[in-house]
PDB file of N, CA and C in Angstrom:
ATOM      1  N   UNK A   1      83.365 186.917  74.609  1.00  0.00           N
ATOM      2  CA  UNK A   1      83.580 185.570  73.648  1.00  0.00           C
ATOM      3  C   UNK A   1      83.860 186.320  72.445  1.00  0.00           C
ATOM      4  N   UNK A   2      84.290 184.919  71.613  1.00  0.00           N
ATOM      5  CA  UNK A   2      84.871 185.757  70.018  1.00  0.00           C
ATOM      6  C   UNK A   2      83.670 184.743  69.404  1.00  0.00           C
ATOM      7  N   UNK A   3      83.579 185.669  68.390  1.00  0.00           N
ATOM      8  CA  UNK A   3      82.650 185.041  67.189  1.00  0.00           C
ATOM      9  C   UNK A   3      83.696 184.157  66.302  1.00  0.00           C
ATOM     10  N   UNK A   4      82.779 182.770  65.947  1.00  0.00           N
ATOM     11  CA  UNK A   4      83.804 181.818  65.305  1.00  0.00           C
ATOM     12  C   UNK A   4      82.917 181.662  63.680  1.00  0.00           C
ATOM     13  N   UNK A   5      83.323 181.343  62.733  1.00  0.00           N
ATOM     14  CA  UNK A   5      82.587 181.073  61.122  1.00  0.00           C
ATOM     15  C   UNK A   5      82.896 179.438  61.501  1.00  0.00           C
ATOM     16  N   UNK A   6      81.606 178.824  61.333  1.00  0.00           N
ATOM     17  CA  UNK A   6      82.263 177.322  61.077  1.00  0.00           C
ATOM     18  C   UNK A   6      81.961 177.563  59.240  1.00  0.00           C
ATOM     19  N   UNK A   7      82.088 176.905  58.513  1.00  0.00           N
ATOM     20  CA  UNK A   7      82.464 176.257  57.340  1.00  0.00           C
ATOM     21  C   UNK A   7      82.082 174.727  57.089  1.00  0.00           C
ATOM     22  N   UNK A   8      80.929 174.386  56.739  1.00  0.00           N
ATOM     23  CA  UNK A   8      80.655 173.394  56.268  1.00  0.00           C
ATOM     24  C   UNK A   8      80.572 172.938  54.773  1.00  0.00           C
ATOM     25  N   UNK A   9      81.334 171.508  54.776  1.00  0.00           N
ATOM     26  CA  UNK A   9      81.494 171.252  53.537  1.00  0.00           C
ATOM     27  C   UNK A   9      81.479 169.833  53.127  1.00  0.00           C
ATOM     28  N   UNK A  10      80.950 169.288  52.070  1.00  0.00           N
ATOM     29  CA  UNK A  10      80.491 167.949  52.216  1.00  0.00           C
ATOM     30  C   UNK A  10      80.879 167.773  50.502  1.00  0.00           C
ATOM     31  N   UNK A  11      80.458 166.361  49.978  1.00  0.00           N
ATOM     32  CA  UNK A  11      81.027 165.886  48.976  1.00  0.00           C
ATOM     33  C   UNK A  11      80.488 166.496  47.738  1.00  0.00           C
ATOM     34  N   UNK A  12      81.483 166.697  46.574  1.00  0.00           N
ATOM     35  CA  UNK A  12      80.431 167.622  45.410  1.00  0.00           C
ATOM     36  C   UNK A  12      81.307 167.055  44.100  1.00  0.00           C
ATOM     37  N   UNK A  13      80.752 167.626  43.035  1.00  0.00           N
ATOM     38  CA  UNK A  13      81.538 167.366  41.838  1.00  0.00           C
ATOM     39  C   UNK A  13      80.858 168.544  41.206  1.00  0.00           C
ATOM     40  N   UNK A  14      81.254 168.641  39.712  1.00  0.00           N
ATOM     41  CA  UNK A  14      81.114 169.904  38.900  1.00  0.00           C
ATOM     42  C   UNK A  14      79.907 170.022  38.909  1.00  0.00           C
ATOM     43  N   UNK A  15      78.977 168.818  38.910  1.00  0.00           N
ATOM     44  CA  UNK A  15      77.641 169.103  38.819  1.00  0.00           C
ATOM     45  C   UNK A  15      76.712 169.437  39.789  1.00  0.00           C
ATOM     46  N   UNK A  16      77.422 169.426  41.090  1.00  0.00           N
ATOM     47  CA  UNK A  16      76.773 169.614  42.353  1.00  0.00           C
ATOM     48  C   UNK A  16      77.147 168.965  43.870  1.00  0.00           C
ATOM     49  N   UNK A  17      76.070 168.922  44.776  1.00  0.00           N
ATOM     50  CA  UNK A  17      76.624 168.405  45.687  1.00  0.00           C
ATOM     51  C   UNK A  17      76.165 166.904  45.821  1.00  0.00           C
ATOM     52  N   UNK A  18      76.882 166.132  46.457  1.00  0.00           N
ATOM     53  CA  UNK A  18      77.022 164.743  45.934  1.00  0.00           C
ATOM     54  C   UNK A  18      76.476 164.295  47.852  1.00  0.00           C
ATOM     55  N   UNK A  19      74.791 164.365  47.780  1.00  0.00           N
ATOM     56  CA  UNK A  19      74.318 164.213  49.278  1.00  0.00           C
ATOM     57  C   UNK A  19      73.181 163.081  48.834  1.00  0.00           C
ATOM     58  N   UNK A  20      73.330 162.266  47.784  1.00  0.00           N
ATOM     59  CA  UNK A  20      72.285 161.204  47.363  1.00  0.00           C
ATOM     60  C   UNK A  20      72.232 160.102  48.631  1.00  0.00           C
ATOM     61  N   UNK A  21      73.020 160.193  49.276  1.00  0.00           N
ATOM     62  CA  UNK A  21      72.467 158.974  50.647  1.00  0.00           C
ATOM     63  C   UNK A  21      72.136 159.884  51.749  1.00  0.00           C
ATOM     64  N   UNK A  22      71.544 161.288  51.446  1.00  0.00           N
ATOM     65  CA  UNK A  22      71.279 161.762  52.763  1.00  0.00           C
ATOM     66  C   UNK A  22      69.371 161.884  52.675  1.00  0.00           C
ATOM     67  N   UNK A  23      68.765 161.337  53.734  1.00  0.00           N
ATOM     68  CA  UNK A  23      67.621 161.642  54.011  1.00  0.00           C
ATOM     69  C   UNK A  23      67.304 163.179  54.483  1.00  0.00           C
ATOM     70  N   UNK A  24      66.445 164.332  53.220  1.00  0.00           N
ATOM     71  CA  UNK A  24      66.484 165.186  53.606  1.00  0.00           C
ATOM     72  C   UNK A  24      65.382 165.647  54.942  1.00  0.00           C
ATOM     73  N   UNK A  25      64.378 164.618  54.801  1.00  0.00           N
ATOM     74  CA  UNK A  25      63.465 164.602  55.361  1.00  0.00           C
ATOM     75  C   UNK A  25      63.798 164.655  56.751  1.00  0.00           C
ATOM     76  N   UNK A  26      64.906 163.961  57.066  1.00  0.00           N
ATOM     77  CA  UNK A  26      65.237 163.338  58.101  1.00  0.00           C
ATOM     78  C   UNK A  26      65.892 164.298  58.632  1.00  0.00           C
ATOM     79  N   UNK A  27      66.894 164.818  58.012  1.00  0.00           N
ATOM     80  CA  UNK A  27      68.044 165.935  58.168  1.00  0.00           C
ATOM     81  C   UNK A  27      67.534 167.311  58.572  1.00  0.00           C
ATOM     82  N   UNK A  28      66.365 167.765  58.273  1.00  0.00           N
ATOM     83  CA  UNK A  28      65.857 169.098  58.379  1.00  0.00           C
ATOM     84  C   UNK A  28      65.933 169.193  59.716  1.00  0.00           C
ATOM     85  N   UNK A  29      65.189 167.956  60.527  1.00  0.00           N
ATOM     86  CA  UNK A  29      64.927 168.459  62.346  1.00  0.00           C
ATOM     87  C   UNK A  29      66.471 168.157  63.236  1.00  0.00           C
ATOM     88  N   UNK A  30      67.173 167.617  62.406  1.00  0.00           N
ATOM     89  CA  UNK A  30      68.768 167.739  63.272  1.00  0.00           C
ATOM     90  C   UNK A  30      69.229 169.008  63.262  1.00  0.00           C
ATOM     91  N   UNK A  31      69.152 169.730  62.036  1.00  0.00           N
ATOM     92  CA  UNK A  31      69.792 170.915  61.731  1.00  0.00           C
ATOM     93  C   UNK A  31      68.895 171.740  62.737  1.00  0.00           C
ATOM     94  N   UNK A  32      67.895 171.928  62.702  1.00  0.00           N
ATOM     95  CA  UNK A  32      66.462 172.614  63.850  1.00  0.00           C
ATOM     96  C   UNK A  32      67.332 172.588  64.897  1.00  0.00           C
ATOM     97  N   UNK A  33      67.188 171.249  65.678  1.00  0.00           N
ATOM     98  CA  UNK A  33      67.584 170.841  66.704  1.00  0.00           C
ATOM     99  C   UNK A  33      69.021 171.098  67.252  1.00  0.00           C
ATOM    100  N   UNK A  34      70.213 170.738  66.490  1.00  0.00           N
ATOM    101  CA  UNK A  34      71.517 171.378  66.791  1.00  0.00           C
ATOM    102  C   UNK A  34      71.494 172.744  66.715  1.00  0.00           C
ATOM    103  N   UNK A  35      70.730 173.745  65.867  1.00  0.00           N
ATOM    104  CA  UNK A  35      70.774 175.271  66.064  1.00  0.00           C
ATOM    105  C   UNK A  35      70.090 175.719  67.116  1.00  0.00           C
ATOM    106  N   UNK A  36      68.751 174.863  67.443  1.00  0.00           N
ATOM    107  CA  UNK A  36      68.211 175.537  68.608  1.00  0.00           C
ATOM    108  C   UNK A  36      69.041 175.154  70.028  1.00  0.00           C
ATOM    109  N   UNK A  37      69.728 174.324  70.017  1.00  0.00           N
ATOM    110  CA  UNK A  37      70.749 173.723  71.022  1.00  0.00           C
ATOM    111  C   UNK A  37      71.664 175.329  71.232  1.00  0.00           C
ATOM    112  N   UNK A  38      72.353 175.377  70.140  1.00  0.00           N
ATOM    113  CA  UNK A  38      73.594 176.780  70.244  1.00  0.00           C
ATOM    114  C   UNK A  38      72.576 178.323  70.497  1.00  0.00           C
ATOM    115  N   UNK A  39      71.124 178.325  70.239  1.00  0.00           N
ATOM    116  CA  UNK A  39      70.536 179.194  70.519  1.00  0.00           C
ATOM    117  C   UNK A  39      70.283 179.485  72.227  1.00  0.00           C
ATOM    118  N   UNK A  40      69.916 178.384  72.378  1.00  0.00           N
ATOM    119  CA  UNK A  40      69.712 177.627  74.282  1.00  0.00           C
ATOM    120  C   UNK A  40      71.206 178.311  74.882  1.00  0.00           C
ATOM    121  N   UNK A  41      71.955 178.704  74.331  1.00  0.00           N
ATOM    122  CA  UNK A  41      73.502 178.413  74.944  1.00  0.00           C
ATOM    123  C   UNK A  41      73.363 179.738  74.880  1.00  0.00           C
ATOM    124  N   UNK A  42      72.872 180.769  73.848  1.00  0.00           N
ATOM    125  CA  UNK A  42      73.226 182.223  74.057  1.00  0.00           C
ATOM    126  C   UNK A  42      74.478 182.426  72.986  1.00  0.00           C
ATOM    127  N   UNK A  43      74.685 181.249  72.087  1.00  0.00           N
ATOM    128  CA  UNK A  43      75.824 181.280  71.022  1.00  0.00           C
ATOM    129  C   UNK A  43      75.615 181.709  69.771  1.00  0.00           C
ATOM    130  N   UNK A  44      74.568 181.370  69.421  1.00  0.00           N
ATOM    131  CA  UNK A  44      73.954 181.629  67.939  1.00  0.00           C
ATOM    132  C   UNK A  44      73.815 182.930  67.502  1.00  0.00           C
ATOM    133  N   UNK A  45      74.624 183.104  66.302  1.00  0.00           N
ATOM    134  CA  UNK A  45      74.403 184.755  65.605  1.00  0.00           C
ATOM    135  C   UNK A  45      73.902 184.369  64.311  1.00  0.00           C
ATOM    136  N   UNK A  46      74.389 183.479  63.484  1.00  0.00           N
ATOM    137  CA  UNK A  46      73.836 183.257  62.123  1.00  0.00           C
ATOM    138  C   UNK A  46      74.189 182.051  61.592  1.00  0.00           C
ATOM    139  N   UNK A  47      73.253 181.471  60.813  1.00  0.00           N
ATOM    140  CA  UNK A  47      73.612 180.492  59.712  1.00  0.00           C
ATOM    141  C   UNK A  47      72.745 180.500  58.519  1.00  0.00           C
ATOM    142  N   UNK A  48      73.108 179.629  57.277  1.00  0.00           N
ATOM    143  CA  UNK A  48      72.437 179.450  56.101  1.00  0.00           C
ATOM    144  C   UNK A  48      73.227 178.626  55.376  1.00  0.00           C
ATOM    145  N   UNK A  49      72.243 177.972  54.761  1.00  0.00           N
ATOM    146  CA  UNK A  49      72.874 176.965  53.404  1.00  0.00           C
ATOM    147  C   UNK A  49      73.307 178.168  52.302  1.00  0.00           C
ATOM    148  N   UNK A  50      74.122 177.444  51.253  1.00  0.00           N
ATOM    149  CA  UNK A  50      74.876 178.398  50.396  1.00  0.00           C
ATOM    150  C   UNK A  50      74.381 177.374  49.164  1.00  0.00           C
ATOM    151  N   UNK A  51      73.905 178.266  47.956  1.00  0.00           N
ATOM    152  CA  UNK A  51      73.598 177.450  46.722  1.00  0.00           C
ATOM    153  C   UNK A  51      74.594 177.069  46.040  1.00  0.00           C
ATOM    154  N   UNK A  52      74.989 175.761  45.288  1.00  0.00           N
ATOM    155  CA  UNK A  52      76.049 175.331  44.555  1.00  0.00           C
ATOM    156  C   UNK A  52      76.408 176.270  43.405  1.00  0.00           C
ATOM    157  N   UNK A  53      75.613 176.876  43.051  1.00  0.00           N
ATOM    158  CA  UNK A  53      76.258 177.917  41.818  1.00  0.00           C
ATOM    159  C   UNK A  53      76.948 179.237  42.633  1.00  0.00           C
ATOM    160  N   UNK A  54      77.694 179.362  42.016  1.00  0.00           N
ATOM    161  CA  UNK A  54      78.747 180.804  41.959  1.00  0.00           C
ATOM    162  C   UNK A  54      79.865 181.135  41.159  1.00  0.00           C
ATOM    163  N   UNK A  55      80.910 181.902  41.661  1.00  0.00           N
ATOM    164  CA  UNK A  55      82.004 181.912  41.111  1.00  0.00           C
ATOM    165  C   UNK A  55      83.356 182.269  41.872  1.00  0.00           C
ATOM    166  N   UNK A  56      84.731 181.930  41.160  1.00  0.00           N
ATOM    167  CA  UNK A  56      85.786 182.335  41.854  1.00  0.00           C
ATOM    168  C   UNK A  56      86.685 183.170  41.337  1.00  0.00           C
ATOM    169  N   UNK A  57      86.755 184.463  41.891  1.00  0.00           N
ATOM    170  CA  UNK A  57      87.183 185.314  40.875  1.00  0.00           C
ATOM    171  C   UNK A  57      89.046 185.445  41.456  1.00  0.00           C
ATOM    172  N   UNK A  58      89.902 185.641  40.355  1.00  0.00           N
ATOM    173  CA  UNK A  58      91.419 185.596  41.173  1.00  0.00           C
ATOM    174  C   UNK A  58      92.170 186.464  39.991  1.00  0.00           C
ATOM    175  N   UNK A  59      92.823 187.184  40.274  1.00  0.00           N
ATOM    176  CA  UNK A  59      93.596 188.039  39.086  1.00  0.00           C
ATOM    177  C   UNK A  59      93.660 187.852  37.909  1.00  0.00           C
ATOM    178  N   UNK A  60      92.907 188.121  36.858  1.00  0.00           N
ATOM    179  CA  UNK A  60      92.917 188.063  35.651  1.00  0.00           C
ATOM    180  C   UNK A  60      92.196 186.437  35.155  1.00  0.00           C
ATOM    181  N   UNK A  61      90.975 186.230  36.167  1.00  0.00           N
ATOM    182  CA  UNK A  61      90.547 185.108  35.697  1.00  0.00           C
ATOM    183  C   UNK A  61      89.324 185.040  36.839  1.00  0.00           C
ATOM    184  N   UNK A  62      88.088 184.771  36.247  1.00  0.00           N
ATOM    185  CA  UNK A  62      86.961 184.080  37.170  1.00  0.00           C
ATOM    186  C   UNK A  62      86.304 182.977  36.666  1.00  0.00           C
ATOM    187  N   UNK A  63      86.137 181.903  37.333  1.00  0.00           N
ATOM    188  CA  UNK A  63      85.901 180.299  37.237  1.00  0.00           C
ATOM    189  C   UNK A  63      84.556 180.386  37.569  1.00  0.00           C
ATOM    190  N   UNK A  64      83.621 180.230  36.506  1.00  0.00           N
ATOM    191  CA  UNK A  64      82.204 179.851  36.730  1.00  0.00           C
ATOM    192  C   UNK A  64      82.274 178.817  37.747  1.00  0.00           C
ATOM    193  N   UNK A  65      81.134 178.858  38.813  1.00  0.00           N
ATOM    194  CA  UNK A  65      81.240 177.423  39.401  1.00  0.00           C
ATOM    195  C   UNK A  65      81.673 177.407  41.029  1.00  0.00           C
ATOM    196  N   UNK A  66      81.668 176.877  41.997  1.00  0.00           N
ATOM    197  CA  UNK A  66      82.166 176.874  43.028  1.00  0.00           C
ATOM    198  C   UNK A  66      83.548 176.231  43.106  1.00  0.00           C
ATOM    199  N   UNK A  67      84.434 176.702  43.670  1.00  0.00           N
ATOM    200  CA  UNK A  67      85.475 175.912  44.072  1.00  0.00           C
ATOM    201  C   UNK A  67      85.544 174.586  44.998  1.00  0.00           C
ATOM    202  N   UNK A  68      85.868 173.572  44.294  1.00  0.00           N
ATOM    203  CA  UNK A  68      86.038 172.470  44.420  1.00  0.00           C
ATOM    204  C   UNK A  68      87.264 171.948  44.642  1.00  0.00           C
ATOM    205  N   UNK A  69      87.556 171.597  46.018  1.00  0.00           N
ATOM    206  CA  UNK A  69      88.724 170.792  46.362  1.00  0.00           C
ATOM    207  C   UNK A  69      88.509 169.798  47.024  1.00  0.00           C
ATOM    208  N   UNK A  70      89.214 168.222  46.534  1.00  0.00           N
ATOM    209  CA  UNK A  70      89.289 167.156  47.153  1.00  0.00           C
ATOM    210  C   UNK A  70      87.926 166.982  47.461  1.00  0.00           C
ATOM    211  N   UNK A  71      86.817 167.263  46.536  1.00  0.00           N
ATOM    212  CA  UNK A  71      86.001 166.395  46.235  1.00  0.00           C
ATOM    213  C   UNK A  71      84.776 167.158  47.154  1.00  0.00           C
ATOM    214  N   UNK A  72      85.490 168.096  47.728  1.00  0.00           N
ATOM    215  CA  UNK A  72      84.196 168.841  48.385  1.00  0.00           C
ATOM    216  C   UNK A  72      83.996 170.439  47.675  1.00  0.00           C
ATOM    217  N   UNK A  73      82.726 170.826  48.334  1.00  0.00           N
ATOM    218  CA  UNK A  73      82.500 172.357  48.027  1.00  0.00           C
ATOM    219  C   UNK A  73      81.859 172.545  49.336  1.00  0.00           C
ATOM    220  N   UNK A  74      81.989 173.901  49.692  1.00  0.00           N
ATOM    221  CA  UNK A  74      81.390 174.884  50.403  1.00  0.00           C
ATOM    222  C   UNK A  74      79.708 174.786  50.425  1.00  0.00           C
ATOM    223  N   UNK A  75      79.041 174.139  51.819  1.00  0.00           N
ATOM    224  CA  UNK A  75      77.538 173.847  51.631  1.00  0.00           C
ATOM    225  C   UNK A  75      76.869 174.996  52.173  1.00  0.00           C
ATOM    226  N   UNK A  76      77.464 175.687  53.309  1.00  0.00           N
ATOM    227  CA  UNK A  76      76.922 176.707  54.160  1.00  0.00           C
ATOM    228  C   UNK A  76      78.010 177.082  55.168  1.00  0.00           C
ATOM    229  N   UNK A  77      76.947 177.774  56.290  1.00  0.00           N
ATOM    230  CA  UNK A  77      77.864 178.347  57.428  1.00  0.00           C
ATOM    231  C   UNK A  77      77.291 178.823  58.386  1.00  0.00           C
ATOM    232  N   UNK A  78      77.941 178.819  59.636  1.00  0.00           N
ATOM    233  CA  UNK A  78      77.135 179.122  60.950  1.00  0.00           C
ATOM    234  C   UNK A  78      78.319 180.104  61.696  1.00  0.00           C
ATOM    235  N   UNK A  79      77.559 181.305  61.968  1.00  0.00           N
ATOM    236  CA  UNK A  79      78.694 181.952  63.028  1.00  0.00           C
ATOM    237  C   UNK A  79      78.392 181.634  64.161  1.00  0.00           C
ATOM    238  N   UNK A  80      78.746 181.560  65.524  1.00  0.00           N
ATOM    239  CA  UNK A  80      78.492 181.512  66.862  1.00  0.00           C
ATOM    240  C   UNK A  80      79.624 182.301  67.560  1.00  0.00           C
ATOM    241  N   UNK A  81      78.963 182.485  68.890  1.00  0.00           N
ATOM    242  CA  UNK A  81      80.220 182.726  69.822  1.00  0.00           C
ATOM    243  C   UNK A  81      80.525 181.731  70.641  1.00  0.00           C
ATOM    244  N   UNK A  82      81.654 181.917  70.923  1.00  0.00           N
ATOM    245  CA  UNK A  82      82.123 180.799  71.739  1.00  0.00           C
ATOM    246  C   UNK A  82      83.134 181.069  73.040  1.00  0.00           C
ATOM    247  N   UNK A  83      83.610 180.671  73.950  1.00  0.00           N
ATOM    248  CA  UNK A  83      84.642 180.848  74.733  1.00  0.00           C
ATOM    249  C   UNK A  83      86.102 180.832  74.198  1.00  0.00           C
ATOM    250  N   UNK A  84      85.950 179.935  73.641  1.00  0.00           N
ATOM    251  CA  UNK A  84      87.279 179.417  72.916  1.00  0.00           C
ATOM    252  C   UNK A  84      87.394 178.600  71.446  1.00  0.00           C
ATOM    253  N   UNK A  85      88.473 178.315  71.128  1.00  0.00           N
ATOM    254  CA  UNK A  85      88.917 177.670  69.650  1.00  0.00           C
ATOM    255  C   UNK A  85      87.978 176.239  70.402  1.00  0.00           C
ATOM    256  N   UNK A  86      88.472 175.760  71.157  1.00  0.00           N
ATOM    257  CA  UNK A  86      88.169 174.136  72.047  1.00  0.00           C
ATOM    258  C   UNK A  86      86.572 174.523  72.138  1.00  0.00           C
ATOM    259  N   UNK A  87      85.718 175.481  72.375  1.00  0.00           N
ATOM    260  CA  UNK A  87      84.435 175.477  72.655  1.00  0.00           C
ATOM    261  C   UNK A  87      83.503 175.487  71.188  1.00  0.00           C
ATOM    262  N   UNK A  88      84.175 176.177  70.217  1.00  0.00           N
ATOM    263  CA  UNK A  88      83.931 176.269  68.748  1.00  0.00           C
ATOM    264  C   UNK A  88      83.918 174.721  68.510  1.00  0.00           C
ATOM    265  N   UNK A  89      84.672 174.236  68.367  1.00  0.00           N
ATOM    266  CA  UNK A  89      84.809 172.778  67.973  1.00  0.00           C
ATOM    267  C   UNK A  89      83.835 171.852  68.617  1.00  0.00           C
ATOM    268  N   UNK A  90      83.760 172.016  70.032  1.00  0.00           N
ATOM    269  CA  UNK A  90      82.249 171.286  70.770  1.00  0.00           C
ATOM    270  C   UNK A  90      81.342 171.448  69.857  1.00  0.00           C
ATOM    271  N   UNK A  91      80.932 172.475  69.723  1.00  0.00           N
ATOM    272  CA  UNK A  91      79.584 173.262  69.003  1.00  0.00           C
ATOM    273  C   UNK A  91      79.487 172.417  67.495  1.00  0.00           C
ATOM    274  N   UNK A  92      81.193 172.526  66.872  1.00  0.00           N
ATOM    275  CA  UNK A  92      80.969 171.864  65.516  1.00  0.00           C
ATOM    276  C   UNK A  92      81.048 170.310  65.502  1.00  0.00           C
ATOM    277  N   UNK A  93      81.165 169.797  66.447  1.00  0.00           N
ATOM    278  CA  UNK A  93      81.287 168.242  66.438  1.00  0.00           C
ATOM    279  C   UNK A  93      79.455 167.661  66.829  1.00  0.00           C
ATOM    280  N   UNK A  94      78.860 168.407  66.822  1.00  0.00           N
ATOM    281  CA  UNK A  94      77.308 168.166  66.930  1.00  0.00           C
ATOM    282  C   UNK A  94      76.611 168.389  65.567  1.00  0.00           C
ATOM    283  N   UNK A  95      77.325 168.798  64.389  1.00  0.00           N
ATOM    284  CA  UNK A  95      76.681 169.263  62.921  1.00  0.00           C
ATOM    285  C   UNK A  95      76.610 168.433  62.661  1.00  0.00           C
ATOM    286  N   UNK A  96      74.923 168.131  61.999  1.00  0.00           N
ATOM    287  CA  UNK A  96      74.410 167.396  61.196  1.00  0.00           C
ATOM    288  C   UNK A  96      75.120 167.278  59.777  1.00  0.00           C
ATOM    289  N   UNK A  97      76.065 167.970  59.120  1.00  0.00           N
ATOM    290  CA  UNK A  97      76.553 167.776  58.126  1.00  0.00           C
ATOM    291  C   UNK A  97      77.390 166.621  58.280  1.00  0.00           C
ATOM    292  N   UNK A  98      77.939 165.561  59.338  1.00  0.00           N
ATOM    293  CA  UNK A  98      78.666 164.642  59.136  1.00  0.00           C
ATOM    294  C   UNK A  98      77.900 163.697  58.553  1.00  0.00           C
ATOM    295  N   UNK A  99      76.486 163.517  58.265  1.00  0.00           N
ATOM    296  CA  UNK A  99      75.841 162.765  58.224  1.00  0.00           C
ATOM    297  C   UNK A  99      75.831 162.362  56.579  1.00  0.00           C
ATOM    298  N   UNK A 100      76.433 163.546  56.090  1.00  0.00           N
ATOM    299  CA  UNK A 100      76.476 163.633  54.463  1.00  0.00           C
ATOM    300  C   UNK A 100      77.851 162.840  54.121  1.00  0.00           C
ATOM    301  N   UNK A 101      77.963 162.733  52.666  1.00  0.00           N
ATOM    302  CA  UNK A 101      79.303 161.956  52.574  1.00  0.00           C
ATOM    303  C   UNK A 101      80.295 163.271  52.564  1.00  0.00           C
ATOM    304  N   UNK A 102      81.641 162.948  52.738  1.00  0.00           N
ATOM    305  CA  UNK A 102      82.980 163.669  52.679  1.00  0.00           C
ATOM    306  C   UNK A 102      82.849 164.892  53.562  1.00  0.00           C
ATOM    307  N   UNK A 103      82.364 164.862  54.788  1.00  0.00           N
ATOM    308  CA  UNK A 103      81.837 166.093  55.374  1.00  0.00           C
ATOM    309  C   UNK A 103      83.093 166.795  56.090  1.00  0.00           C
ATOM    310  N   UNK A 104      82.986 167.913  56.187  1.00  0.00           N
ATOM    311  CA  UNK A 104      84.133 168.480  57.184  1.00  0.00           C
ATOM    312  C   UNK A 104      83.314 170.001  57.758  1.00  0.00           C
ATOM    313  N   UNK A 105      83.669 170.383  58.939  1.00  0.00           N
ATOM    314  CA  UNK A 105      83.544 172.106  59.396  1.00  0.00           C
ATOM    315  C   UNK A 105      85.018 172.238  59.837  1.00  0.00           C
ATOM    316  N   UNK A 106      85.170 173.893  58.828  1.00  0.00           N
ATOM    317  CA  UNK A 106      86.387 174.317  59.382  1.00  0.00           C
ATOM    318  C   UNK A 106      85.991 175.356  60.358  1.00  0.00           C
ATOM    319  N   UNK A 107      87.031 175.653  61.238  1.00  0.00           N
ATOM    320  CA  UNK A 107      86.061 176.655  62.070  1.00  0.00           C
ATOM    321  C   UNK A 107      87.358 177.821  62.419  1.00  0.00           C
ATOM    322  N   UNK A 108      86.911 179.036  61.655  1.00  0.00           N
ATOM    323  CA  UNK A 108      87.993 179.969  61.945  1.00  0.00           C
ATOM    324  C   UNK A 108      87.493 181.157  63.362  1.00  0.00           C
ATOM    325  N   UNK A 109      88.220 181.925  63.741  1.00  0.00           N
ATOM    326  CA  UNK A 109      87.503 183.070  64.531  1.00  0.00           C
ATOM    327  C   UNK A 109      87.640 184.144  63.793  1.00  0.00           C
ATOM    328  N   UNK A 110      86.958 185.025  64.127  1.00  0.00           N
ATOM    329  CA  UNK A 110      86.394 186.393  63.568  1.00  0.00           C
ATOM    330  C   UNK A 110      87.261 187.393  64.022  1.00  0.00           C
ATOM    331  N   UNK A 111      88.294 187.995  63.257  1.00  0.00           N
ATOM    332  CA  UNK A 111      88.625 189.235  63.805  1.00  0.00           C
ATOM    333  C   UNK A 111      87.861 190.716  63.805  1.00  0.00           C
ATOM    334  N   UNK A 112      87.199 191.036  64.780  1.00  0.00           N
ATOM    335  CA  UNK A 112      86.468 192.249  64.318  1.00  0.00           C
ATOM    336  C   UNK A 112      87.277 193.557  64.268  1.00  0.00           C
ATOM    337  N   UNK A 113      86.750 194.493  63.140  1.00  0.00           N
ATOM    338  CA  UNK A 113      87.375 195.410  62.921  1.00  0.00           C
ATOM    339  C   UNK A 113      87.410 196.904  64.511  1.00  0.00           C
ATOM    340  N   UNK A 114      88.218 197.464  64.755  1.00  0.00           N
ATOM    341  CA  UNK A 114      88.234 198.508  65.663  1.00  0.00           C
ATOM    342  C   UNK A 114      87.649 199.414  65.281  1.00  0.00           C
TER     343      UNK A 114
END
């Protein structure tokens, strides 16, 4: 099996994530259930939310704050094992991030160093 990185993005502005419409008390169990299903399949590696604060370093320039593109910012990640890109897409399709404003999940296969 290949490891895949799922990158969670949701609506953001320079002031922070735009999740005002999300009921966090209701969302936490959904995240737990989704991750528990991945664990039950033996495909879970690791998952964490990310703080909004950060910086972007480019040659000769450091931008304080997260990278925001198309009103989205990176909010968290999950690493899982999957049989294929399609299997990783199946796993991502159940992600609770889709309850948030302007969500997306980017899926990238991880290339192990030899």
